[in-house]
Amino acid sequence: MTAQRKEIGIKGGGRGVRSAGRPSATVRFESAGKPSLSGDLRTGGRLIVDYDPVRLPDCRGSQAGLPAWDITVNARFHPGLQLYGGKLVRQVDLSTGTLLIPPAPEPYEVTVPVGAREVELWFQNIDAGGCRAWDSNGGANYWFDIFPGQVTAPADAVIPRDGVAVARGVVNVVGEGAVKSNTFPDPAGQGTRLETRLVVVAWVRNDAFAKSVWMDVHVFDPQGRLIEAQTAPLEYAGPSEGGGDLFEFDRVVYLGSVATPGSMSRRPEARKVQYRLYAEMNGKLYTDGVLHGHELSEDITH
């Protein structure tokens, strides 16, 4: 058994970065009927799921007179079997902090993984009283084709290590995210420090007490040239479901350009992060067999 995967939200994208203009597609699920797809669904782009809560109206429990229910989406990409999940309703107005009665629809967004060719969607409605309802197209789920991205794969893509066994039931990624942010401390915006941060949460089957879990990480520039390569260890984070343990990584993997008033240190622009995950136990090396990848925003330096 493996733990359910979700995309990790990372704060970032503030001063000094802007959108890379990636392709995006929206799947809309109206109150009834078949879903509709608009836009350009491609690897490396964004998938937006827009779901009308009226479509799953059965579980509407409350606590202390307030709504206590939620609707979530599961998105599984094939052939890599990456599984993401997230909320589709919002209980609080972010601008005022007031409760929304009833909760409002909240579109879910996810990056389409490298190598994905299809995405499978299904939905769950649950409330505090334990009521559960599903929207799964009669158990077949909803499937959509994904087209290859237009960016050529880097020549120095991360390759699997020799002697490794592909075993997703032993090791797999259950959460990940990457972002480039301007972390310069000056609140007046008079400086730039572009950091690319990678977050990965991995599930590893508990076959041995001693485990080594790590990633081979590559960072590429806009032309697909390798500008950073490293092996990064994951740290033990605690036990998990399904007889496994969780390991986590949350660090800056690349420092880009740095600027202060009167000084500028330019470095190559990071536009893509790739990694492969490994776990070693009892003298055997395992991987999930997936080349994980994230596109990054364009640099802006002042």
Protein backbone atom coordinates (compact mmCIF):
# COMPACT_ATOMS: atom_id res chain seq x y z
CA MET A 1 0.00 0.00 0.00
CA THR A 2 1.22 3.50 -0.77
CA ALA A 3 0.18 6.78 0.77
CA GLN A 4 -2.05 9.16 -1.16
CA ARG A 5 -0.14 11.78 -3.06
CA LYS A 6 -0.83 15.50 -3.07
CA GLU A 7 0.83 18.54 -4.57
CA ILE A 8 2.46 20.70 -1.92
CA GLY A 9 1.71 24.40 -2.01
CA ILE A 10 4.86 26.49 -1.64
CA LYS A 11 4.74 30.18 -0.94
CA GLY A 12 6.66 32.15 -3.51
CA GLY A 13 6.45 33.97 -6.79
CA GLY A 14 6.83 37.42 -5.21
CA ARG A 15 9.17 40.22 -6.19
CA GLY A 16 11.61 39.27 -8.91
CA VAL A 17 9.70 36.47 -10.69
CA ARG A 18 6.88 36.32 -13.20
CA SER A 19 4.81 33.64 -14.87
CA ALA A 20 6.56 31.61 -17.55
CA GLY A 21 3.39 31.59 -19.68
CA ARG A 22 2.93 27.83 -19.56
CA PRO A 23 0.01 26.23 -21.42
CA SER A 24 -3.09 25.51 -19.34
CA ALA A 25 -6.34 23.60 -19.66
CA THR A 26 -9.56 23.72 -17.65
CA VAL A 27 -11.87 20.78 -17.02
CA ARG A 28 -15.33 22.02 -15.97
CA PHE A 29 -17.82 19.84 -14.14
CA GLU A 30 -21.20 21.57 -14.22
CA SER A 31 -24.05 20.71 -11.82
CA ALA A 32 -24.98 17.75 -14.05
CA GLY A 33 -23.89 16.03 -17.23
CA LYS A 34 -20.54 15.30 -18.82
CA PRO A 35 -17.45 17.43 -18.13
CA SER A 36 -15.99 19.78 -20.74
CA LEU A 37 -12.34 20.45 -21.51
CA SER A 38 -11.00 23.76 -22.81
CA GLY A 39 -7.46 24.99 -23.38
CA ASP A 40 -4.20 23.16 -24.08
CA LEU A 41 -3.57 20.11 -21.86
CA ARG A 42 0.16 19.42 -22.19
CA THR A 43 3.00 18.04 -20.10
CA GLY A 44 4.66 20.76 -18.04
CA GLY A 45 1.53 22.93 -18.26
CA ARG A 46 -1.26 23.52 -15.78
CA LEU A 47 -4.47 21.56 -15.31
CA ILE A 48 -7.35 23.44 -13.66
CA VAL A 49 -10.34 21.52 -12.30
CA ASP A 50 -13.47 23.69 -11.92
CA TYR A 51 -16.17 21.74 -10.06
CA ASP A 52 -19.74 22.79 -9.16
CA PRO A 53 -20.50 21.54 -5.59
CA VAL A 54 -24.17 21.06 -6.60
CA ARG A 55 -22.98 18.02 -8.51
CA LEU A 56 -22.29 16.18 -5.21
CA PRO A 57 -25.07 17.39 -2.84
CA ASP A 58 -25.48 14.41 -0.50
CA CYS A 59 -23.10 15.13 2.39
CA ARG A 60 -23.92 18.51 3.90
CA GLY A 61 -23.42 17.99 7.63
CA SER A 62 -22.94 20.88 10.04
CA GLN A 63 -21.42 21.63 13.44
CA ALA A 64 -22.67 24.39 15.73
CA GLY A 65 -24.90 25.53 12.88
CA LEU A 66 -21.99 25.96 10.45
CA PRO A 67 -21.21 23.91 7.32
CA ALA A 68 -18.87 21.01 8.06
CA TRP A 69 -18.32 19.35 4.69
CA ASP A 70 -15.81 19.29 1.88
CA ILE A 71 -15.36 18.13 -1.72
CA THR A 72 -11.97 16.95 -2.94
CA VAL A 73 -10.51 15.88 -6.29
CA ASN A 74 -8.09 13.05 -7.04
CA ALA A 75 -5.96 13.39 -10.18
CA ARG A 76 -3.88 10.38 -11.25
CA PHE A 77 -1.50 10.77 -14.19
CA HIS A 78 -0.55 7.87 -16.45
CA PRO A 79 1.75 6.05 -17.12
CA GLY A 80 3.73 7.38 -14.12
CA LEU A 81 0.80 6.86 -11.69
CA GLN A 82 1.47 10.19 -9.94
CA LEU A 83 -1.51 10.92 -7.69
CA TYR A 84 -2.47 14.42 -6.56
CA GLY A 85 -5.43 15.65 -4.52
CA GLY A 86 -6.92 18.90 -3.31
CA LYS A 87 -9.94 20.83 -2.10
CA LEU A 88 -12.65 22.09 -4.42
CA VAL A 89 -14.58 24.32 -2.01
CA ARG A 90 -13.54 27.26 0.16
CA GLN A 91 -15.06 27.87 3.60
CA VAL A 92 -13.52 31.31 4.27
CA ASP A 93 -13.44 34.53 2.25
CA LEU A 94 -9.70 35.21 1.98
CA SER A 95 -10.15 38.98 1.63
CA THR A 96 -12.33 39.46 4.72
CA GLY A 97 -11.73 36.32 6.80
CA THR A 98 -15.48 35.70 7.12
CA LEU A 99 -17.10 32.30 6.80
CA LEU A 100 -18.83 31.49 3.53
CA ILE A 101 -22.28 29.95 3.91
CA PRO A 102 -22.55 27.84 1.89
CA PRO A 103 -18.89 27.19 0.99
CA ALA A 104 -17.89 28.56 -2.42
CA PRO A 105 -16.39 26.65 -5.34
CA GLU A 106 -12.57 26.73 -5.41
CA PRO A 107 -10.83 25.57 -8.63
CA TYR A 108 -7.92 23.19 -8.10
CA GLU A 109 -4.67 23.58 -10.07
CA VAL A 110 -1.86 21.09 -10.63
CA THR A 111 1.22 20.91 -12.84
CA VAL A 112 1.06 18.10 -15.43
CA PRO A 113 4.07 15.83 -14.76
CA VAL A 114 6.79 15.17 -17.31
CA GLY A 115 5.95 12.12 -19.42
CA ALA A 116 2.22 12.08 -18.60
CA ARG A 117 -0.08 10.97 -21.43
CA GLU A 118 -3.46 10.67 -19.65
CA VAL A 119 -5.07 12.03 -16.50
CA GLU A 120 -7.78 10.24 -14.50
CA LEU A 121 -10.11 12.27 -12.24
CA TRP A 122 -12.60 11.34 -9.54
CA PHE A 123 -14.23 13.21 -6.64
CA GLN A 124 -15.29 12.71 -3.03
CA ASN A 125 -17.80 14.55 -0.83
CA ILE A 126 -17.40 14.04 2.93
CA ASP A 127 -18.79 15.72 6.05
CA ALA A 128 -18.06 15.74 9.77
CA GLY A 129 -20.75 13.15 10.41
CA GLY A 130 -18.96 10.53 8.33
CA CYS A 131 -21.16 10.79 5.23
CA ARG A 132 -19.26 9.98 2.01
CA ALA A 133 -20.34 10.30 -1.61
CA TRP A 134 -18.43 9.84 -4.85
CA ASP A 135 -18.50 11.20 -8.37
CA SER A 136 -16.51 8.63 -10.33
CA ASN A 137 -18.38 8.18 -13.62
CA GLY A 138 -19.93 4.97 -12.36
CA GLY A 139 -16.58 3.70 -11.08
CA ALA A 140 -14.77 4.21 -14.41
CA ASN A 141 -13.51 7.71 -13.46
CA TYR A 142 -13.06 10.58 -15.94
CA TRP A 143 -10.14 10.32 -18.40
CA PHE A 144 -8.49 13.00 -20.56
CA ASP A 145 -5.62 12.76 -23.05
CA ILE A 146 -2.46 14.82 -22.49
CA PHE A 147 -0.29 16.02 -25.36
CA PRO A 148 3.51 16.20 -25.20
CA GLY A 149 5.01 19.51 -24.18
CA GLN A 150 6.69 21.63 -26.81
CA VAL A 151 9.95 21.99 -24.89
CA THR A 152 12.65 19.48 -25.87
CA ALA A 153 13.87 17.29 -23.02
CA PRO A 154 17.30 18.40 -21.75
CA ALA A 155 20.25 16.41 -23.08
CA ASP A 156 21.52 16.02 -19.49
CA ALA A 157 18.26 14.70 -18.03
CA VAL A 158 18.67 12.71 -14.83
CA ILE A 159 19.27 9.05 -15.77
CA PRO A 160 18.53 6.07 -13.51
CA ARG A 161 21.39 4.65 -11.48
CA ASP A 162 22.83 1.25 -12.37
CA GLY A 163 21.40 -1.79 -10.62
CA VAL A 164 18.26 -0.05 -9.36
CA ALA A 165 14.93 -1.88 -9.12
CA VAL A 166 11.73 -0.04 -10.06
CA ALA A 167 9.26 -0.70 -7.22
CA ARG A 168 6.54 1.89 -6.57
CA GLY A 169 5.22 -0.31 -3.78
CA VAL A 170 8.53 0.22 -1.96
CA VAL A 171 9.24 3.91 -2.61
CA ASN A 172 7.19 6.69 -4.17
CA VAL A 173 6.60 10.43 -4.00
CA VAL A 174 3.45 11.48 -2.11
CA GLY A 175 3.95 15.24 -2.28
CA GLU A 176 6.16 17.66 -4.18
CA GLY A 177 6.55 21.23 -5.35
CA ALA A 178 9.15 23.63 -6.74
CA VAL A 179 9.19 27.41 -6.90
CA LYS A 180 11.56 30.25 -7.69
CA SER A 181 11.23 33.23 -5.34
CA ASN A 182 12.91 36.54 -4.66
CA THR A 183 13.92 36.16 -1.01
CA PHE A 184 15.81 39.44 -0.66
CA PRO A 185 14.99 40.82 2.82
CA ASP A 186 14.57 44.47 1.82
CA PRO A 187 10.81 45.20 2.16
CA ALA A 188 11.14 48.22 -0.15
CA GLY A 189 11.98 45.91 -3.05
CA GLN A 190 15.46 47.37 -3.66
CA GLY A 191 17.21 44.04 -4.11
CA THR A 192 17.05 40.59 -5.70
CA ARG A 193 17.99 37.14 -4.47
CA LEU A 194 16.46 34.42 -6.68
CA GLU A 195 16.25 31.07 -4.92
CA THR A 196 14.83 27.85 -6.37
CA ARG A 197 13.37 25.70 -3.62
CA LEU A 198 12.36 22.05 -3.98
CA VAL A 199 10.03 20.24 -1.58
CA VAL A 200 9.58 16.46 -1.75
CA VAL A 201 7.75 14.07 0.59
CA ALA A 202 8.47 10.37 -0.06
CA TRP A 203 6.83 7.22 1.28
CA VAL A 204 9.15 4.25 1.87
CA ARG A 205 7.96 0.77 2.84
CA ASN A 206 9.28 -0.22 6.24
CA ASP A 207 11.31 -3.25 5.12
CA ALA A 208 14.26 -2.38 7.34
CA PHE A 209 15.03 -0.11 10.28
CA ALA A 210 18.03 1.42 8.50
CA LYS A 211 17.11 3.27 5.29
CA SER A 212 18.92 5.71 3.05
CA VAL A 213 16.64 7.93 0.95
CA TRP A 214 17.95 10.49 -1.52
CA MET A 215 17.45 12.21 -4.88
CA ASP A 216 19.64 12.99 -7.86
CA VAL A 217 18.66 16.58 -8.76
CA HIS A 218 19.41 18.55 -11.94
CA VAL A 219 18.63 22.22 -12.67
CA PHE A 220 18.49 23.52 -16.25
CA ASP A 221 18.56 26.93 -17.95
CA PRO A 222 16.00 28.12 -20.60
CA GLN A 223 17.95 26.33 -23.36
CA GLY A 224 17.95 23.01 -21.47
CA ARG A 225 21.61 23.25 -20.42
CA LEU A 226 22.61 21.75 -17.10
CA ILE A 227 23.57 24.44 -14.57
CA GLU A 228 23.42 22.47 -11.29
CA ALA A 229 23.67 18.77 -10.34
CA GLN A 230 23.57 17.39 -6.83
CA THR A 231 22.64 14.39 -4.73
CA ALA A 232 20.31 15.46 -1.93
CA PRO A 233 19.37 13.33 1.10
CA LEU A 234 15.82 13.21 2.50
CA GLU A 235 15.29 13.26 6.26
CA TYR A 236 13.10 10.90 8.27
CA ALA A 237 9.77 12.58 9.12
CA GLY A 238 7.91 9.82 10.97
CA PRO A 239 5.77 6.73 10.43
CA SER A 240 2.98 6.66 7.85
CA GLU A 241 0.05 4.55 6.74
CA GLY A 242 0.42 1.31 4.84
CA GLY A 243 3.42 0.06 6.81
CA GLY A 244 5.76 2.78 5.63
CA ASP A 245 7.74 5.81 6.76
CA LEU A 246 7.77 9.37 5.44
CA PHE A 247 10.96 11.17 4.40
CA GLU A 248 11.11 14.88 3.55
CA PHE A 249 13.27 17.35 1.66
CA ASP A 250 12.71 21.14 1.83
CA ARG A 251 15.71 23.17 0.72
CA VAL A 252 17.04 25.62 -1.83
CA VAL A 253 18.63 23.64 -4.69
CA TYR A 254 19.84 26.59 -6.75
CA LEU A 255 20.82 30.21 -6.07
CA GLY A 256 20.33 32.46 -9.07
CA SER A 257 21.15 36.12 -9.59
CA VAL A 258 21.69 38.37 -6.57
CA ALA A 259 21.47 42.16 -6.72
CA THR A 260 21.76 44.94 -4.16
CA PRO A 261 21.79 48.71 -4.76
CA GLY A 262 24.97 49.35 -6.72
CA SER A 263 25.94 45.68 -7.09
CA MET A 264 24.83 42.82 -9.35
CA SER A 265 25.94 39.19 -9.39
CA ARG A 266 24.34 37.42 -12.36
CA ARG A 267 24.01 33.66 -12.54
CA PRO A 268 22.38 31.42 -15.18
CA GLU A 269 18.58 31.47 -15.13
CA ALA A 270 16.93 28.34 -13.70
CA ARG A 271 13.86 27.24 -15.68
CA LYS A 272 13.50 23.51 -14.94
CA VAL A 273 14.17 21.15 -12.03
CA GLN A 274 14.33 17.37 -12.48
CA TYR A 275 14.99 14.62 -9.96
CA ARG A 276 14.89 10.87 -9.45
CA LEU A 277 14.10 9.34 -6.06
CA TYR A 278 15.98 6.41 -4.48
CA ALA A 279 15.80 4.32 -1.31
CA GLU A 280 18.39 1.78 -0.17
CA MET A 281 17.57 -0.99 2.32
CA ASN A 282 19.18 -4.34 3.10
CA GLY A 283 21.78 -3.76 0.40
CA LYS A 284 19.16 -3.22 -2.34
CA LEU A 285 18.47 -0.02 -4.26
CA TYR A 286 14.90 0.96 -5.24
CA THR A 287 13.24 3.79 -7.20
CA ASP A 288 9.73 4.69 -8.32
CA GLY A 289 10.94 4.83 -11.92
CA VAL A 290 9.60 8.36 -12.47
CA LEU A 291 11.60 11.28 -13.85
CA HIS A 292 10.01 14.04 -11.76
CA GLY A 293 10.10 17.52 -13.25
CA HIS A 294 8.94 21.08 -12.55
CA GLU A 295 8.99 24.14 -14.81
CA LEU A 296 10.10 27.41 -13.19
CA SER A 297 9.13 31.04 -13.76
CA GLU A 298 11.19 33.53 -15.74
CA ASP A 299 13.79 35.70 -14.00
CA ILE A 300 13.27 39.41 -13.53
CA THR A 301 16.22 41.31 -12.05
CA HIS A 302 16.39 45.00 -11.28
